[in-house]
Protein backbone atom coordinates (compact mmCIF):
# COMPACT_ATOMS: atom_id res chain seq x y z
CA MET A 1 -0.06 0.46 0.07
CA VAL A 2 1.83 3.46 -1.25
CA THR A 3 1.01 6.00 1.31
CA ASP A 4 1.28 9.91 1.74
CA ARG A 5 4.89 9.31 3.32
CA SER A 6 6.51 6.67 0.72
CA TYR A 7 4.97 9.14 -1.77
CA ARG A 8 7.29 12.04 -0.24
CA VAL A 9 10.20 10.13 0.14
CA VAL A 10 9.82 9.04 -3.55
CA LEU A 11 9.29 12.68 -4.87
CA GLY A 12 12.14 14.18 -2.67
CA ALA A 13 14.54 11.55 -3.86
CA SER A 14 13.67 11.65 -7.56
CA LEU A 15 13.53 15.63 -7.40
CA LEU A 16 17.06 15.43 -6.22
CA ALA A 17 18.18 12.99 -8.99
CA ILE A 18 16.40 15.46 -11.52
CA LEU A 19 17.97 18.44 -10.13
CA TYR A 20 21.30 16.78 -10.46
CA PHE A 21 21.68 15.15 -13.79
CA ASP A 22 19.77 18.88 -14.52
CA LEU A 23 16.83 17.32 -16.04
CA GLN A 24 14.83 20.21 -17.15
CA SER A 25 11.86 18.29 -18.52
CA LEU A 26 11.27 15.98 -15.86
CA LEU A 27 11.12 19.03 -13.78
CA PHE A 28 8.39 20.32 -15.51
CA ALA A 29 6.74 17.28 -15.65
CA VAL A 30 7.16 16.78 -11.52
CA ILE A 31 5.68 20.32 -11.36
CA GLY A 32 2.75 19.56 -13.54
CA ILE A 33 2.03 16.03 -12.13
CA LEU A 34 1.70 18.23 -8.45
CA TYR A 35 -0.48 20.64 -9.72
CA ALA A 36 -2.78 18.13 -11.36
CA GLU A 37 -2.63 16.44 -7.79
CA GLY A 38 -3.64 19.79 -6.39
CA LEU A 39 -6.28 20.99 -8.04
CA SER A 40 -8.09 17.75 -8.29
CA ASN A 41 -7.46 16.36 -5.33
CA ARG A 42 -6.66 12.91 -7.11
CA ARG A 43 -3.42 12.49 -5.25
CA LEU A 44 -0.73 9.40 -6.91
CA PRO A 45 -1.07 7.26 -3.82
CA TYR A 46 -4.68 6.85 -4.21
CA VAL A 47 -4.55 5.83 -7.78
CA ILE A 48 -1.72 3.60 -7.07
CA ASN A 49 -3.68 1.73 -4.18
CA ARG A 50 -6.92 1.69 -6.74
CA LEU A 51 -4.70 -0.10 -9.31
CA LEU A 52 -3.28 -2.29 -6.63
CA ARG A 53 -6.59 -3.57 -5.52
CA ALA A 54 -6.44 -1.92 -1.90
CA GLU A 55 -9.83 0.44 -2.61
CA GLU A 56 -10.32 3.36 -0.62
CA PRO A 57 -12.57 6.14 -0.91
CA ALA A 58 -12.08 8.51 -3.69
CA PRO A 59 -11.13 11.69 -2.30
CA ARG A 60 -13.11 15.00 -3.54
CA ILE A 61 -12.38 18.55 -3.95
CA THR A 62 -13.76 20.75 -0.87
CA PHE A 63 -13.36 23.90 0.88
CA PRO A 64 -11.12 24.45 2.42
CA PRO A 65 -8.89 22.19 0.85
CA GLU A 66 -6.85 19.44 2.66
CA ALA A 67 -3.53 19.83 3.65
CA GLU A 68 -1.84 17.64 1.59
CA GLN A 69 -3.89 19.00 -1.46
CA ALA A 70 -2.68 22.56 -0.51
CA TRP A 71 1.12 21.18 0.27
CA ARG A 72 0.80 20.11 -3.16
CA LEU A 73 -0.08 23.22 -4.61
CA VAL A 74 2.65 25.07 -2.83
CA VAL A 75 5.54 22.77 -3.57
CA ALA A 76 4.52 23.04 -7.29
CA THR A 77 4.45 26.71 -6.94
CA MET A 78 7.94 27.10 -5.11
CA LEU A 79 9.12 24.84 -7.73
CA LEU A 80 8.06 26.44 -10.60
CA LEU A 81 9.11 30.12 -9.08
CA THR A 82 12.84 28.62 -7.82
CA GLY A 83 13.67 25.98 -10.07
CA VAL A 84 12.16 27.09 -13.28
CA LEU A 85 11.76 31.17 -13.65
CA PHE A 86 14.52 32.22 -11.04
CA VAL A 87 16.70 29.45 -11.60
CA GLN A 88 20.10 31.71 -11.42
CA ASN A 89 19.12 33.75 -8.22
CA ALA A 90 17.57 31.24 -6.59
CA TRP A 91 19.24 27.63 -7.33
CA PHE A 92 19.53 26.38 -3.54
CA LEU A 93 15.82 26.56 -2.89
CA PRO A 94 14.86 23.12 -5.40
CA TRP A 95 18.01 21.64 -3.54
CA PHE A 96 16.36 22.39 -0.14
CA LEU A 97 13.22 21.62 -0.97
CA GLY A 98 14.19 18.19 -2.67
CA PHE A 99 15.90 17.52 1.00
CA ALA A 100 13.04 18.90 2.97
CA ILE A 101 10.54 16.62 1.31
CA LEU A 102 13.17 13.83 1.73
CA GLY A 103 13.17 14.31 5.41
CA ALA A 104 9.32 14.58 5.99
CA GLY A 105 9.01 11.48 3.81
CA VAL A 106 11.46 9.97 6.20
CA SER A 107 10.46 11.19 9.37
CA ASP A 108 6.92 11.43 8.60
CA ILE A 109 6.51 15.21 10.29
CA CYS A 110 5.96 17.51 7.78
CA PRO A 111 6.38 21.28 8.89
CA VAL A 112 4.50 22.85 5.77
CA VAL A 113 1.57 20.32 6.34
CA GLN A 114 1.47 21.35 10.21
CA LEU A 115 1.76 24.93 9.50
CA LEU A 116 -1.48 24.56 6.64
CA ARG A 117 -3.46 22.77 8.98
CA MET A 118 -2.76 25.89 11.75
CA ALA A 119 -3.87 27.80 8.65
CA GLY A 120 -7.14 26.19 8.50
CA CYS A 121 -6.82 23.42 6.22
CA ARG A 122 -8.61 20.02 6.91
CA SER A 123 -6.49 16.90 7.74
């Protein structure tokens, strides 16, 4: 069963590999996937679990958004700004995001998700 925690580990490790090998097209793909997940609330762990027959209820779009949904939008926006638009000035921020996401997946504690919950997003 794929969880949000294992998803963060894979996302953080793949983001670091994409940045290390300077694969700009894959960075665009990751940003697109994160925006698609954040806007539709159809997260990749749910889709994979559904394909593996580990049935879970499909998430619905609600307001206020779920913290995980808002987290994906925040990460996609930060990657778009720092990894694509302002590469020369903020080159270290995508690397920081990659290490932070990887650490959040390993420890299962994500400060951004906690802040989004305190800001009013649902759990």
